[in-house]
């Protein structure tokens, strides 16, 4: 891929959160877009800072009952515990099929106006 670079962050390789933030701020000067893929482990020491410095947060869900139940809990933690404004959150539905929960229901559950779909 041209014009594409990546850094591999291995948890606990950066001893201080300031080092991590400095790296991201330096990257922001060089790039229009920076994607940070995190796990759903919201207890990771970098997770809250990543949410704070992000312009947009892409929340990816699979539209099944089991996955939506898990996503609701995670979504609430992001909104309530980490005080992330809902305007920063973009919902992406992945692996949609004929048996998926309807996107209008998903929008109501999460209070999101627009859903992006990727199959």
C-alpha atoms as a PDB file:
ATOM      1  CA  UNK A   1       0.000   0.000   0.000  1.00  0.00           C
ATOM      2  CA  UNK A   2       1.327   3.401  -0.860  1.00  0.00           C
ATOM      3  CA  UNK A   3       1.010   6.248   1.640  1.00  0.00           C
ATOM      4  CA  UNK A   4       0.330   3.789   4.427  1.00  0.00           C
ATOM      5  CA  UNK A   5       2.496   3.234   7.471  1.00  0.00           C
ATOM      6  CA  UNK A   6       1.896   1.533  10.746  1.00  0.00           C
ATOM      7  CA  UNK A   7       3.335   1.320  14.201  1.00  0.00           C
ATOM      8  CA  UNK A   8       2.900  -1.698  16.357  1.00  0.00           C
ATOM      9  CA  UNK A   9       2.142  -0.832  19.967  1.00  0.00           C
ATOM     10  CA  UNK A  10       2.637  -3.713  22.300  1.00  0.00           C
ATOM     11  CA  UNK A  11       0.978  -3.217  25.647  1.00  0.00           C
ATOM     12  CA  UNK A  12       3.358  -2.244  28.438  1.00  0.00           C
ATOM     13  CA  UNK A  13       6.175  -1.355  26.054  1.00  0.00           C
ATOM     14  CA  UNK A  14       5.498   2.316  26.781  1.00  0.00           C
ATOM     15  CA  UNK A  15       6.091   2.826  30.447  1.00  0.00           C
ATOM     16  CA  UNK A  16       4.369   6.178  30.723  1.00  0.00           C
ATOM     17  CA  UNK A  17       1.143   7.392  29.191  1.00  0.00           C
ATOM     18  CA  UNK A  18       2.882  10.686  28.339  1.00  0.00           C
ATOM     19  CA  UNK A  19       5.198   8.835  25.948  1.00  0.00           C
ATOM     20  CA  UNK A  20       2.204   7.376  24.172  1.00  0.00           C
ATOM     21  CA  UNK A  21       0.413  10.735  23.939  1.00  0.00           C
ATOM     22  CA  UNK A  22       3.565  12.428  22.651  1.00  0.00           C
ATOM     23  CA  UNK A  23       3.905   9.838  19.915  1.00  0.00           C
ATOM     24  CA  UNK A  24       0.283  10.337  18.849  1.00  0.00           C
ATOM     25  CA  UNK A  25       0.630  14.123  18.886  1.00  0.00           C
ATOM     26  CA  UNK A  26       3.758  13.884  16.724  1.00  0.00           C
ATOM     27  CA  UNK A  27       1.912  11.615  14.301  1.00  0.00           C
ATOM     28  CA  UNK A  28      -0.976  14.108  14.106  1.00  0.00           C
ATOM     29  CA  UNK A  29       1.466  16.661  12.691  1.00  0.00           C
ATOM     30  CA  UNK A  30       2.456  14.281   9.894  1.00  0.00           C
ATOM     31  CA  UNK A  31      -0.789  12.511   8.974  1.00  0.00           C
ATOM     32  CA  UNK A  32      -4.364  13.436   8.152  1.00  0.00           C
ATOM     33  CA  UNK A  33      -5.704  10.207   9.654  1.00  0.00           C
ATOM     34  CA  UNK A  34      -4.438   8.026  12.452  1.00  0.00           C
ATOM     35  CA  UNK A  35      -6.251   4.789  13.211  1.00  0.00           C
ATOM     36  CA  UNK A  36      -5.775   3.205  16.591  1.00  0.00           C
ATOM     37  CA  UNK A  37      -7.215  -0.270  16.898  1.00  0.00           C
ATOM     38  CA  UNK A  38      -7.940  -1.179  20.495  1.00  0.00           C
ATOM     39  CA  UNK A  39      -9.340  -4.255  22.143  1.00  0.00           C
ATOM     40  CA  UNK A  40     -12.596  -4.119  24.020  1.00  0.00           C
ATOM     41  CA  UNK A  41     -10.592  -4.182  27.234  1.00  0.00           C
ATOM     42  CA  UNK A  42     -11.609  -0.820  28.625  1.00  0.00           C
ATOM     43  CA  UNK A  43      -9.342  -1.369  31.645  1.00  0.00           C
ATOM     44  CA  UNK A  44      -6.237  -1.014  29.486  1.00  0.00           C
ATOM     45  CA  UNK A  45      -4.213   1.905  30.829  1.00  0.00           C
ATOM     46  CA  UNK A  46      -4.161   3.624  27.423  1.00  0.00           C
ATOM     47  CA  UNK A  47      -7.820   3.171  26.587  1.00  0.00           C
ATOM     48  CA  UNK A  48      -9.188   6.292  28.288  1.00  0.00           C
ATOM     49  CA  UNK A  49      -6.454   8.516  26.827  1.00  0.00           C
ATOM     50  CA  UNK A  50      -7.048   7.114  23.352  1.00  0.00           C
ATOM     51  CA  UNK A  51     -10.734   8.004  23.674  1.00  0.00           C
ATOM     52  CA  UNK A  52      -9.891  11.504  24.900  1.00  0.00           C
ATOM     53  CA  UNK A  53      -7.483  12.344  22.070  1.00  0.00           C
ATOM     54  CA  UNK A  54      -9.633  10.820  19.321  1.00  0.00           C
ATOM     55  CA  UNK A  55     -11.618  13.035  16.990  1.00  0.00           C
ATOM     56  CA  UNK A  56     -13.916  10.120  16.092  1.00  0.00           C
ATOM     57  CA  UNK A  57     -14.481   6.730  17.660  1.00  0.00           C
ATOM     58  CA  UNK A  58     -15.609   3.921  15.388  1.00  0.00           C
ATOM     59  CA  UNK A  59     -17.650   1.399  17.329  1.00  0.00           C
ATOM     60  CA  UNK A  60     -17.930  -1.864  15.395  1.00  0.00           C
ATOM     61  CA  UNK A  61     -20.721  -4.324  16.167  1.00  0.00           C
ATOM     62  CA  UNK A  62     -22.085  -7.537  14.708  1.00  0.00           C
ATOM     63  CA  UNK A  63     -25.913  -7.287  14.531  1.00  0.00           C
ATOM     64  CA  UNK A  64     -26.817 -10.368  16.565  1.00  0.00           C
ATOM     65  CA  UNK A  65     -28.621 -10.414  19.890  1.00  0.00           C
ATOM     66  CA  UNK A  66     -25.623 -11.755  21.817  1.00  0.00           C
ATOM     67  CA  UNK A  67     -23.161  -9.264  20.308  1.00  0.00           C
ATOM     68  CA  UNK A  68     -25.532  -6.320  20.754  1.00  0.00           C
ATOM     69  CA  UNK A  69     -25.993  -7.175  24.436  1.00  0.00           C
ATOM     70  CA  UNK A  70     -22.215  -7.099  24.918  1.00  0.00           C
ATOM     71  CA  UNK A  71     -21.930  -3.926  22.853  1.00  0.00           C
ATOM     72  CA  UNK A  72     -24.589  -2.112  24.915  1.00  0.00           C
ATOM     73  CA  UNK A  73     -22.577  -2.604  28.100  1.00  0.00           C
ATOM     74  CA  UNK A  74     -19.365  -1.490  26.437  1.00  0.00           C
ATOM     75  CA  UNK A  75     -21.084   1.482  24.781  1.00  0.00           C
ATOM     76  CA  UNK A  76     -22.498   2.640  28.130  1.00  0.00           C
ATOM     77  CA  UNK A  77     -19.068   2.466  29.766  1.00  0.00           C
ATOM     78  CA  UNK A  78     -17.627   4.629  26.993  1.00  0.00           C
ATOM     79  CA  UNK A  79     -20.445   7.192  27.270  1.00  0.00           C
ATOM     80  CA  UNK A  80     -21.008   7.253  31.017  1.00  0.00           C
ATOM     81  CA  UNK A  81     -17.752   6.278  32.730  1.00  0.00           C
ATOM     82  CA  UNK A  82     -15.390   7.876  30.219  1.00  0.00           C
ATOM     83  CA  UNK A  83     -17.731  10.782  29.391  1.00  0.00           C
ATOM     84  CA  UNK A  84     -17.295  10.438  25.630  1.00  0.00           C
ATOM     85  CA  UNK A  85     -19.800  12.644  23.777  1.00  0.00           C
ATOM     86  CA  UNK A  86     -22.085  10.575  21.570  1.00  0.00           C
ATOM     87  CA  UNK A  87     -21.262  12.896  18.659  1.00  0.00           C
ATOM     88  CA  UNK A  88     -17.739  11.440  18.547  1.00  0.00           C
ATOM     89  CA  UNK A  89     -19.010   7.871  18.212  1.00  0.00           C
ATOM     90  CA  UNK A  90     -19.626   6.338  14.790  1.00  0.00           C
ATOM     91  CA  UNK A  91     -21.424   2.996  14.690  1.00  0.00           C
ATOM     92  CA  UNK A  92     -20.322   0.444  12.102  1.00  0.00           C
ATOM     93  CA  UNK A  93     -22.354  -2.723  11.553  1.00  0.00           C
ATOM     94  CA  UNK A  94     -20.184  -5.607  10.413  1.00  0.00           C
ATOM     95  CA  UNK A  95     -21.250  -8.985   8.967  1.00  0.00           C
ATOM     96  CA  UNK A  96     -24.860  -7.992   8.314  1.00  0.00           C
ATOM     97  CA  UNK A  97     -27.073 -10.681   6.750  1.00  0.00           C
ATOM     98  CA  UNK A  98     -30.733 -11.725   6.418  1.00  0.00           C
ATOM     99  CA  UNK A  99     -30.824 -12.816  10.065  1.00  0.00           C
ATOM    100  CA  UNK A 100     -29.353  -9.618  11.468  1.00  0.00           C
ATOM    101  CA  UNK A 101     -31.200  -7.263  13.769  1.00  0.00           C
ATOM    102  CA  UNK A 102     -32.718  -4.420  11.771  1.00  0.00           C
ATOM    103  CA  UNK A 103     -30.554  -1.303  11.576  1.00  0.00           C
ATOM    104  CA  UNK A 104     -33.443   0.937  12.734  1.00  0.00           C
ATOM    105  CA  UNK A 105     -33.640  -1.055  15.967  1.00  0.00           C
ATOM    106  CA  UNK A 106     -29.869  -0.794  16.403  1.00  0.00           C
ATOM    107  CA  UNK A 107     -30.011   2.980  15.912  1.00  0.00           C
ATOM    108  CA  UNK A 108     -32.676   3.263  18.626  1.00  0.00           C
ATOM    109  CA  UNK A 109     -30.770   1.015  21.040  1.00  0.00           C
ATOM    110  CA  UNK A 110     -27.579   3.051  20.753  1.00  0.00           C
ATOM    111  CA  UNK A 111     -29.143   6.472  20.174  1.00  0.00           C
ATOM    112  CA  UNK A 112     -27.188   6.892  16.948  1.00  0.00           C
ATOM    113  CA  UNK A 113     -28.683   8.616  13.920  1.00  0.00           C
ATOM    114  CA  UNK A 114     -26.547   7.055  11.211  1.00  0.00           C
ATOM    115  CA  UNK A 115     -25.124   3.572  10.813  1.00  0.00           C
ATOM    116  CA  UNK A 116     -22.391   2.560   8.416  1.00  0.00           C
ATOM    117  CA  UNK A 117     -22.606  -0.980   7.066  1.00  0.00           C
ATOM    118  CA  UNK A 118     -19.781  -3.272   6.085  1.00  0.00           C
ATOM    119  CA  UNK A 119     -20.456  -6.873   5.181  1.00  0.00           C
END
